[in-house]
C-alpha atoms as a PDB file:
ATOM      1  CA  MET A   1     -20.831 -23.737  11.680  1.00  0.00           C
ATOM      2  CA  LYS A   2     -20.654 -24.016   7.915  1.00  0.00           C
ATOM      3  CA  GLN A   3     -20.043 -20.714   6.137  1.00  0.00           C
ATOM      4  CA  ASP A   4     -22.235 -19.554   3.265  1.00  0.00           C
ATOM      5  CA  THR A   5     -19.953 -19.067   0.288  1.00  0.00           C
ATOM      6  CA  ILE A   6     -20.414 -17.704  -3.202  1.00  0.00           C
ATOM      7  CA  MET A   7     -17.238 -17.698  -5.242  1.00  0.00           C
ATOM      8  CA  LEU A   8     -16.926 -14.482  -7.206  1.00  0.00           C
ATOM      9  CA  PRO A   9     -15.449 -14.569 -10.706  1.00  0.00           C
ATOM     10  CA  SER A  10     -11.861 -13.354 -10.624  1.00  0.00           C
ATOM     11  CA  LEU A  11     -10.298 -10.848 -13.003  1.00  0.00           C
ATOM     12  CA  ARG A  12      -8.109 -12.389 -15.696  1.00  0.00           C
ATOM     13  CA  GLU A  13      -5.752  -9.442 -15.765  1.00  0.00           C
ATOM     14  CA  LYS A  14      -4.960  -6.898 -13.090  1.00  0.00           C
ATOM     15  CA  GLU A  15      -5.085  -4.178 -15.731  1.00  0.00           C
ATOM     16  CA  MET A  16      -8.711  -4.956 -16.599  1.00  0.00           C
ATOM     17  CA  GLU A  17     -11.313  -2.415 -15.592  1.00  0.00           C
ATOM     18  CA  LEU A  18     -13.568  -3.882 -12.939  1.00  0.00           C
ATOM     19  CA  PRO A  19     -16.877  -4.803 -14.583  1.00  0.00           C
ATOM     20  CA  VAL A  20     -20.139  -4.344 -12.761  1.00  0.00           C
ATOM     21  CA  ILE A  21     -21.412  -7.526 -11.136  1.00  0.00           C
ATOM     22  CA  ASP A  22     -24.450  -8.639 -13.123  1.00  0.00           C
ATOM     23  CA  GLY A  23     -27.859  -8.255 -11.535  1.00  0.00           C
ATOM     24  CA  ASP A  24     -28.504 -11.956 -10.943  1.00  0.00           C
ATOM     25  CA  LEU A  25     -25.237 -12.480  -9.084  1.00  0.00           C
ATOM     26  CA  MET A  26     -25.724  -9.323  -7.043  1.00  0.00           C
ATOM     27  CA  GLU A  27     -29.186 -10.492  -6.019  1.00  0.00           C
ATOM     28  CA  GLN A  28     -27.685 -13.829  -4.926  1.00  0.00           C
ATOM     29  CA  LEU A  29     -25.052 -12.049  -2.871  1.00  0.00           C
ATOM     30  CA  LYS A  30     -27.615  -9.781  -1.213  1.00  0.00           C
ATOM     31  CA  LEU A  31     -29.805 -12.796  -0.461  1.00  0.00           C
ATOM     32  CA  VAL A  32     -26.884 -14.559   1.224  1.00  0.00           C
ATOM     33  CA  MET A  33     -26.246 -11.502   3.397  1.00  0.00           C
ATOM     34  CA  MET A  34     -29.882 -11.106   4.393  1.00  0.00           C
ATOM     35  CA  GLN A  35     -30.456 -14.787   5.160  1.00  0.00           C
ATOM     36  CA  SER A  36     -27.104 -15.716   6.680  1.00  0.00           C
ATOM     37  CA  GLN A  37     -26.932 -15.469  10.455  1.00  0.00           C
ATOM     38  CA  GLN A  38     -23.158 -15.088  10.219  1.00  0.00           C
ATOM     39  CA  PHE A  39     -23.376 -12.071   7.942  1.00  0.00           C
ATOM     40  CA  GLN A  40     -26.021 -10.474  10.146  1.00  0.00           C
ATOM     41  CA  GLU A  41     -23.785 -10.981  13.172  1.00  0.00           C
ATOM     42  CA  MET A  42     -20.831  -9.509  11.277  1.00  0.00           C
ATOM     43  CA  MET A  43     -22.774  -6.360  10.381  1.00  0.00           C
ATOM     44  CA  MET A  44     -23.885  -6.030  14.006  1.00  0.00           C
ATOM     45  CA  MET A  45     -20.264  -6.294  15.132  1.00  0.00           C
ATOM     46  CA  TYR A  46     -19.196  -3.537  12.749  1.00  0.00           C
ATOM     47  CA  LYS A  47     -21.987  -1.317  14.057  1.00  0.00           C
ATOM     48  CA  CYS A  48     -20.771  -1.917  17.602  1.00  0.00           C
ATOM     49  CA  ALA A  49     -17.200  -1.045  16.579  1.00  0.00           C
ATOM     50  CA  ILE A  50     -18.484   2.218  15.121  1.00  0.00           C
ATOM     51  CA  ARG A  51     -20.232   2.964  18.409  1.00  0.00           C
ATOM     52  CA  GLU A  52     -16.954   2.482  20.293  1.00  0.00           C
ATOM     53  CA  VAL A  53     -15.059   4.893  18.015  1.00  0.00           C
ATOM     54  CA  ARG A  54     -17.850   7.480  18.078  1.00  0.00           C
ATOM     55  CA  THR A  55     -17.859   7.379  21.881  1.00  0.00           C
ATOM     56  CA  LYS A  56     -14.114   7.999  21.995  1.00  0.00           C
ATOM     57  CA  ALA A  57     -14.445  11.022  19.693  1.00  0.00           C
ATOM     58  CA  GLU A  58     -17.413  12.392  21.651  1.00  0.00           C
ATOM     59  CA  VAL A  59     -15.531  12.070  24.942  1.00  0.00           C
ATOM     60  CA  LEU A  60     -12.565  13.992  23.511  1.00  0.00           C
ATOM     61  CA  ASN A  61     -14.893  16.690  22.206  1.00  0.00           C
ATOM     62  CA  ASP A  62     -16.579  17.045  25.610  1.00  0.00           C
ATOM     63  CA  GLU A  63     -13.210  17.289  27.325  1.00  0.00           C
ATOM     64  CA  MET A  64     -12.001  20.009  24.935  1.00  0.00           C
ATOM     65  CA  SER A  65     -15.240  21.909  25.492  1.00  0.00           C
ATOM     66  CA  VAL A  66     -14.639  22.072  29.243  1.00  0.00           C
ATOM     67  CA  ARG A  67     -10.872  22.542  29.127  1.00  0.00           C
ATOM     68  CA  TYR A  68     -10.556  25.013  26.250  1.00  0.00           C
ATOM     69  CA  HIS A  69     -14.143  26.317  25.963  1.00  0.00           C
ATOM     70  CA  ARG A  70     -14.526  25.240  22.357  1.00  0.00           C
ATOM     71  CA  ASN A  71     -15.587  22.131  20.479  1.00  0.00           C
ATOM     72  CA  PRO A  72     -13.025  21.026  17.874  1.00  0.00           C
ATOM     73  CA  ILE A  73     -15.518  18.531  16.442  1.00  0.00           C
ATOM     74  CA  SER A  74     -18.423  20.002  14.541  1.00  0.00           C
ATOM     75  CA  SER A  75     -20.191  16.710  13.802  1.00  0.00           C
ATOM     76  CA  ILE A  76     -19.731  12.929  13.668  1.00  0.00           C
ATOM     77  CA  SER A  77     -21.375  10.584  11.185  1.00  0.00           C
ATOM     78  CA  SER A  78     -20.942   6.884  10.491  1.00  0.00           C
ATOM     79  CA  ARG A  79     -21.932   4.075   8.147  1.00  0.00           C
ATOM     80  CA  VAL A  80     -21.517   0.362   7.457  1.00  0.00           C
ATOM     81  CA  LYS A  81     -20.930  -0.503   3.814  1.00  0.00           C
ATOM     82  CA  GLN A  82     -23.904  -1.753   1.847  1.00  0.00           C
ATOM     83  CA  PRO A  83     -23.880  -5.384   0.578  1.00  0.00           C
ATOM     84  CA  GLU A  84     -23.317  -4.168  -2.995  1.00  0.00           C
ATOM     85  CA  SER A  85     -20.164  -2.263  -2.001  1.00  0.00           C
ATOM     86  CA  ILE A  86     -18.823  -5.195   0.018  1.00  0.00           C
ATOM     87  CA  ALA A  87     -19.471  -7.546  -2.904  1.00  0.00           C
ATOM     88  CA  GLN A  88     -17.696  -5.240  -5.361  1.00  0.00           C
ATOM     89  CA  LYS A  89     -14.666  -5.004  -3.069  1.00  0.00           C
ATOM     90  CA  LEU A  90     -14.426  -8.778  -2.687  1.00  0.00           C
ATOM     91  CA  TYR A  91     -14.923  -9.195  -6.428  1.00  0.00           C
ATOM     92  CA  LYS A  92     -12.095  -6.783  -7.167  1.00  0.00           C
ATOM     93  CA  LYS A  93      -9.760  -8.744  -4.888  1.00  0.00           C
ATOM     94  CA  GLY A  94     -10.893 -12.131  -6.274  1.00  0.00           C
ATOM     95  CA  LEU A  95     -12.045 -13.281  -2.839  1.00  0.00           C
ATOM     96  CA  PRO A  96     -14.949 -15.552  -1.786  1.00  0.00           C
ATOM     97  CA  PHE A  97     -18.055 -13.918  -0.395  1.00  0.00           C
ATOM     98  CA  THR A  98     -17.601 -15.048   3.206  1.00  0.00           C
ATOM     99  CA  VAL A  99     -17.513 -13.429   6.628  1.00  0.00           C
ATOM    100  CA  GLU A 100     -13.881 -14.477   7.040  1.00  0.00           C
ATOM    101  CA  ALA A 101     -12.889 -12.858   3.728  1.00  0.00           C
ATOM    102  CA  VAL A 102     -14.603  -9.611   4.694  1.00  0.00           C
ATOM    103  CA  MET A 103     -13.136  -9.334   8.180  1.00  0.00           C
ATOM    104  CA  THR A 104      -9.637 -10.398   7.115  1.00  0.00           C
ATOM    105  CA  ASN A 105      -9.245  -8.377   3.932  1.00  0.00           C
ATOM    106  CA  LEU A 106     -11.495  -5.299   4.104  1.00  0.00           C
ATOM    107  CA  SER A 107     -10.619  -2.421   6.406  1.00  0.00           C
ATOM    108  CA  ASP A 108     -13.334   0.085   5.497  1.00  0.00           C
ATOM    109  CA  VAL A 109     -16.566  -1.841   6.043  1.00  0.00           C
ATOM    110  CA  ALA A 110     -17.176   0.308   9.132  1.00  0.00           C
ATOM    111  CA  GLY A 111     -16.576   4.020   8.709  1.00  0.00           C
ATOM    112  CA  VAL A 112     -16.676   7.048  10.998  1.00  0.00           C
ATOM    113  CA  ARG A 113     -16.422  10.594   9.650  1.00  0.00           C
ATOM    114  CA  ILE A 114     -15.369  13.381  12.011  1.00  0.00           C
ATOM    115  CA  ILE A 115     -15.883  16.959  10.841  1.00  0.00           C
ATOM    116  CA  CYS A 116     -13.699  19.607  12.454  1.00  0.00           C
ATOM    117  CA  GLU A 117     -13.740  23.384  12.230  1.00  0.00           C
ATOM    118  CA  PHE A 118     -10.021  23.907  11.639  1.00  0.00           C
ATOM    119  CA  ILE A 119      -7.122  22.012  10.102  1.00  0.00           C
ATOM    120  CA  ASP A 120      -5.098  21.820  13.319  1.00  0.00           C
ATOM    121  CA  ASP A 121      -8.120  20.271  15.057  1.00  0.00           C
ATOM    122  CA  ILE A 122      -7.895  17.377  12.580  1.00  0.00           C
ATOM    123  CA  TYR A 123      -4.349  16.528  13.605  1.00  0.00           C
ATOM    124  CA  SER A 124      -5.095  17.070  17.318  1.00  0.00           C
ATOM    125  CA  ILE A 125      -8.065  14.693  17.297  1.00  0.00           C
ATOM    126  CA  ALA A 126      -6.135  12.127  15.221  1.00  0.00           C
ATOM    127  CA  ALA A 127      -3.192  12.242  17.647  1.00  0.00           C
ATOM    128  CA  MET A 128      -5.425  11.902  20.720  1.00  0.00           C
ATOM    129  CA  LEU A 129      -7.228   8.921  19.215  1.00  0.00           C
ATOM    130  CA  ALA A 130      -3.944   7.242  18.238  1.00  0.00           C
ATOM    131  CA  MET A 131      -2.598   7.662  21.805  1.00  0.00           C
ATOM    132  CA  GLN A 132      -5.370   5.584  23.372  1.00  0.00           C
ATOM    133  CA  ASP A 133      -3.905   2.281  24.518  1.00  0.00           C
ATOM    134  CA  ASP A 134      -6.897   0.143  23.506  1.00  0.00           C
ATOM    135  CA  LEU A 135      -6.862   1.439  19.945  1.00  0.00           C
ATOM    136  CA  LYS A 136      -4.339   0.054  17.470  1.00  0.00           C
ATOM    137  CA  LEU A 137      -3.339   2.281  14.571  1.00  0.00           C
ATOM    138  CA  ILE A 138      -3.061   0.185  11.394  1.00  0.00           C
ATOM    139  CA  LYS A 139      -2.629   2.734   8.614  1.00  0.00           C
ATOM    140  CA  ILE A 140      -2.670   6.475   7.906  1.00  0.00           C
ATOM    141  CA  LYS A 141      -3.351   8.279   4.636  1.00  0.00           C
ATOM    142  CA  ASP A 142      -2.875  12.035   4.855  1.00  0.00           C
ATOM    143  CA  TYR A 143      -4.734  13.475   1.885  1.00  0.00           C
ATOM    144  CA  ILE A 144      -4.427  16.955   3.407  1.00  0.00           C
ATOM    145  CA  LYS A 145      -0.671  17.189   3.050  1.00  0.00           C
ATOM    146  CA  TYR A 146      -0.792  15.023  -0.056  1.00  0.00           C
ATOM    147  CA  PRO A 147      -4.150  15.618  -1.818  1.00  0.00           C
ATOM    148  CA  LYS A 148      -5.482  13.226  -4.432  1.00  0.00           C
ATOM    149  CA  PRO A 149      -5.038  14.350  -8.065  1.00  0.00           C
ATOM    150  CA  ASN A 150      -8.696  15.414  -8.229  1.00  0.00           C
ATOM    151  CA  GLY A 151      -8.258  17.746  -5.233  1.00  0.00           C
ATOM    152  CA  TYR A 152      -9.731  15.493  -2.522  1.00  0.00           C
ATOM    153  CA  ARG A 153      -8.471  16.326   0.973  1.00  0.00           C
ATOM    154  CA  SER A 154      -9.069  14.405   4.190  1.00  0.00           C
ATOM    155  CA  TYR A 155      -7.154  12.579   6.900  1.00  0.00           C
ATOM    156  CA  HIS A 156      -7.768   8.818   6.947  1.00  0.00           C
ATOM    157  CA  MET A 157      -6.952   6.372   9.730  1.00  0.00           C
ATOM    158  CA  ILE A 158      -7.503   2.620   9.771  1.00  0.00           C
ATOM    159  CA  VAL A 159      -7.736   1.538  13.400  1.00  0.00           C
ATOM    160  CA  GLU A 160      -8.407  -1.701  15.219  1.00  0.00           C
ATOM    161  CA  ILE A 161     -10.515  -1.509  18.345  1.00  0.00           C
ATOM    162  CA  PRO A 162     -11.523  -4.290  20.751  1.00  0.00           C
ATOM    163  CA  VAL A 163     -15.265  -4.833  21.094  1.00  0.00           C
ATOM    164  CA  PHE A 164     -16.535  -6.992  23.954  1.00  0.00           C
ATOM    165  CA  PHE A 165     -19.305  -9.458  23.121  1.00  0.00           C
ATOM    166  CA  SER A 166     -20.870 -12.273  25.142  1.00  0.00           C
ATOM    167  CA  LYS A 167     -18.317 -14.772  23.789  1.00  0.00           C
ATOM    168  CA  GLY A 168     -15.325 -12.547  24.437  1.00  0.00           C
ATOM    169  CA  LYS A 169     -13.306  -9.717  22.901  1.00  0.00           C
ATOM    170  CA  THR A 170     -13.077  -9.278  19.127  1.00  0.00           C
ATOM    171  CA  PRO A 171     -10.719  -6.780  17.434  1.00  0.00           C
ATOM    172  CA  MET A 172     -12.637  -4.852  14.769  1.00  0.00           C
ATOM    173  CA  ARG A 173     -11.288  -2.539  12.073  1.00  0.00           C
ATOM    174  CA  VAL A 174     -12.792   0.878  11.439  1.00  0.00           C
ATOM    175  CA  GLU A 175     -11.867   3.563   8.938  1.00  0.00           C
ATOM    176  CA  ILE A 176     -11.873   7.073  10.417  1.00  0.00           C
ATOM    177  CA  GLN A 177     -12.037  10.075   8.090  1.00  0.00           C
ATOM    178  CA  ILE A 178     -11.293  13.463   9.626  1.00  0.00           C
ATOM    179  CA  ARG A 179     -11.794  16.638   7.608  1.00  0.00           C
ATOM    180  CA  THR A 180     -12.869  20.266   7.884  1.00  0.00           C
ATOM    181  CA  ILE A 181     -16.375  21.503   7.077  1.00  0.00           C
ATOM    182  CA  ALA A 182     -15.049  22.955   3.813  1.00  0.00           C
ATOM    183  CA  MET A 183     -13.342  19.690   2.809  1.00  0.00           C
ATOM    184  CA  ASP A 184     -16.517  17.768   3.528  1.00  0.00           C
ATOM    185  CA  PHE A 185     -18.602  20.218   1.488  1.00  0.00           C
ATOM    186  CA  TRP A 186     -16.320  19.731  -1.518  1.00  0.00           C
ATOM    187  CA  ALA A 187     -16.189  15.933  -1.143  1.00  0.00           C
ATOM    188  CA  SER A 188     -19.983  15.698  -0.943  1.00  0.00           C
ATOM    189  CA  LEU A 189     -20.460  17.686  -4.149  1.00  0.00           C
ATOM    190  CA  ASP A 190     -17.696  15.780  -5.925  1.00  0.00           C
ATOM    191  CA  HIS A 191     -19.319  12.470  -4.972  1.00  0.00           C
ATOM    192  CA  GLU A 192     -22.729  13.632  -6.196  1.00  0.00           C
ATOM    193  CA  LEU A 193     -21.405  14.893  -9.523  1.00  0.00           C
ATOM    194  CA  LYS A 194     -19.423  11.715 -10.157  1.00  0.00           C
ATOM    195  CA  TYR A 195     -22.633   9.730 -10.312  1.00  0.00           C
ATOM    196  CA  LYS A 196     -24.390  12.000 -12.817  1.00  0.00           C
ATOM    197  CA  LYS A 197     -25.258   9.978 -15.906  1.00  0.00           C
ATOM    198  CA  ASN A 198     -24.969  10.745 -19.616  1.00  0.00           C
ATOM    199  CA  ILE A 199     -22.163  13.307 -19.354  1.00  0.00           C
ATOM    200  CA  ALA A 200     -19.977  13.665 -22.451  1.00  0.00           C
ATOM    201  CA  GLN A 201     -16.275  13.011 -21.897  1.00  0.00           C
ATOM    202  CA  GLU A 202     -15.242  16.559 -22.837  1.00  0.00           C
ATOM    203  CA  ASP A 203     -17.778  17.973 -20.358  1.00  0.00           C
ATOM    204  CA  GLU A 204     -16.576  15.565 -17.689  1.00  0.00           C
ATOM    205  CA  GLU A 205     -12.982  16.775 -18.150  1.00  0.00           C
ATOM    206  CA  VAL A 206     -14.037  20.423 -17.855  1.00  0.00           C
ATOM    207  CA  ILE A 207     -16.050  19.710 -14.706  1.00  0.00           C
ATOM    208  CA  ALA A 208     -13.135  17.764 -13.198  1.00  0.00           C
ATOM    209  CA  GLN A 209     -10.817  20.740 -13.773  1.00  0.00           C
ATOM    210  CA  GLU A 210     -13.335  23.125 -12.231  1.00  0.00           C
ATOM    211  CA  LEU A 211     -13.704  20.855  -9.199  1.00  0.00           C
ATOM    212  CA  LEU A 212      -9.924  20.783  -8.808  1.00  0.00           C
ATOM    213  CA  SER A 213      -9.824  24.591  -8.885  1.00  0.00           C
ATOM    214  CA  CYS A 214     -12.584  24.708  -6.268  1.00  0.00           C
ATOM    215  CA  ALA A 215     -10.672  22.265  -4.055  1.00  0.00           C
ATOM    216  CA  GLU A 216      -7.590  24.476  -4.191  1.00  0.00           C
ATOM    217  CA  ARG A 217      -9.586  27.607  -3.316  1.00  0.00           C
ATOM    218  CA  ILE A 218     -11.275  25.782  -0.444  1.00  0.00           C
ATOM    219  CA  ALA A 219      -7.867  24.653   0.848  1.00  0.00           C
ATOM    220  CA  GLU A 220      -6.658  28.270   0.759  1.00  0.00           C
ATOM    221  CA  THR A 221      -9.769  29.361   2.674  1.00  0.00           C
ATOM    222  CA  ASP A 222      -9.152  26.673   5.312  1.00  0.00           C
ATOM    223  CA  MET A 223      -5.600  27.994   5.802  1.00  0.00           C
ATOM    224  CA  ILE A 224      -6.796  31.611   6.083  1.00  0.00           C
ATOM    225  CA  MET A 225      -9.444  30.663   8.651  1.00  0.00           C
ATOM    226  CA  GLN A 226      -6.779  28.764  10.588  1.00  0.00           C
ATOM    227  CA  GLN A 227      -4.531  31.842  10.641  1.00  0.00           C
ATOM    228  CA  ILE A 228      -7.413  34.090  11.773  1.00  0.00           C
ATOM    229  CA  ARG A 229      -8.197  31.760  14.649  1.00  0.00           C
ATOM    230  CA  MET A 230      -4.538  31.676  15.704  1.00  0.00           C
ATOM    231  CA  LYS A 231      -4.464  35.496  15.743  1.00  0.00           C
ATOM    232  CA  LEU A 232      -7.610  35.597  17.873  1.00  0.00           C
ATOM    233  CA  ASP A 233      -6.113  33.029  20.248  1.00  0.00           C
ATOM    234  CA  ALA A 234      -2.975  35.153  20.549  1.00  0.00           C
ATOM    235  CA  VAL A 235      -5.070  38.241  21.353  1.00  0.00           C
ATOM    236  CA  GLU A 236      -6.928  36.338  24.088  1.00  0.00           C
ATOM    237  CA  VAL A 237      -3.659  35.103  25.606  1.00  0.00           C
ATOM    238  CA  LYS A 238      -2.231  38.633  25.592  1.00  0.00           C
ATOM    239  CA  LYS A 239      -5.378  39.989  27.211  1.00  0.00           C
ATOM    240  CA  ALA A 240      -5.342  37.290  29.905  1.00  0.00           C
ATOM    241  CA  ARG A 241      -1.685  38.051  30.734  1.00  0.00           C
ATOM    242  CA  SER A 242      -2.354  41.786  31.008  1.00  0.00           C
ATOM    243  CA  GLU A 243      -5.258  41.131  33.395  1.00  0.00           C
ATOM    244  CA  ILE A 244      -2.973  39.008  35.586  1.00  0.00           C
ATOM    245  CA  VAL A 245      -0.393  41.840  35.697  1.00  0.00           C
ATOM    246  CA  LEU A 246      -3.085  44.364  36.669  1.00  0.00           C
ATOM    247  CA  ASP A 247      -4.333  42.088  39.458  1.00  0.00           C
ATOM    248  CA  ASP A 248      -0.796  41.894  40.862  1.00  0.00           C
END
């Protein structure tokens, strides 16, 4: 089957700031995605890969609920990148707008976000996912231990998971972001404020500094909440041991 292809203009210099794709070209790209059977199938496959990862996380959460009487996962959300975002990514890399280029070169078309209550839950869930023999760990970015300069914190995993279709098994890549409720709250506000228009540069710098300060305070709060939970766990263990001694 012949692939639909639109060659994107490449950047002349790597140092150049990525310009916005003009409206006419973007409309062409969106039209290709909507009309191309191959692109529709690709998006369906990414949605199925998301479903597989979500199921794995939900199963782990259910197990922890029964075994330890608590749910480490507060919520799970997911998304497949919009055509505009996919086009911008391909444009930045100087790649053709084809299914093959997307599936070979982009690792974050499918995304799953897992929100946990505590920091140690993040690492526990990440480790349990990585241990599963049908899931291949491609890359890790720990923005909790090593936050971004703007204060962003989250744990990112790029994984490859097999999805079974009528024609056979296809390995699909999914980006998993795992963060606490507090980290997600900060990231959501930061994302919203970044897209505010008509902000003077000096105001933008002040807001960026304030956001960084907020990120640091939120990180401190996460650590304090973690310590409180550990103390409560220790009290429960001590109580359980004393009850066993009394029964004897």
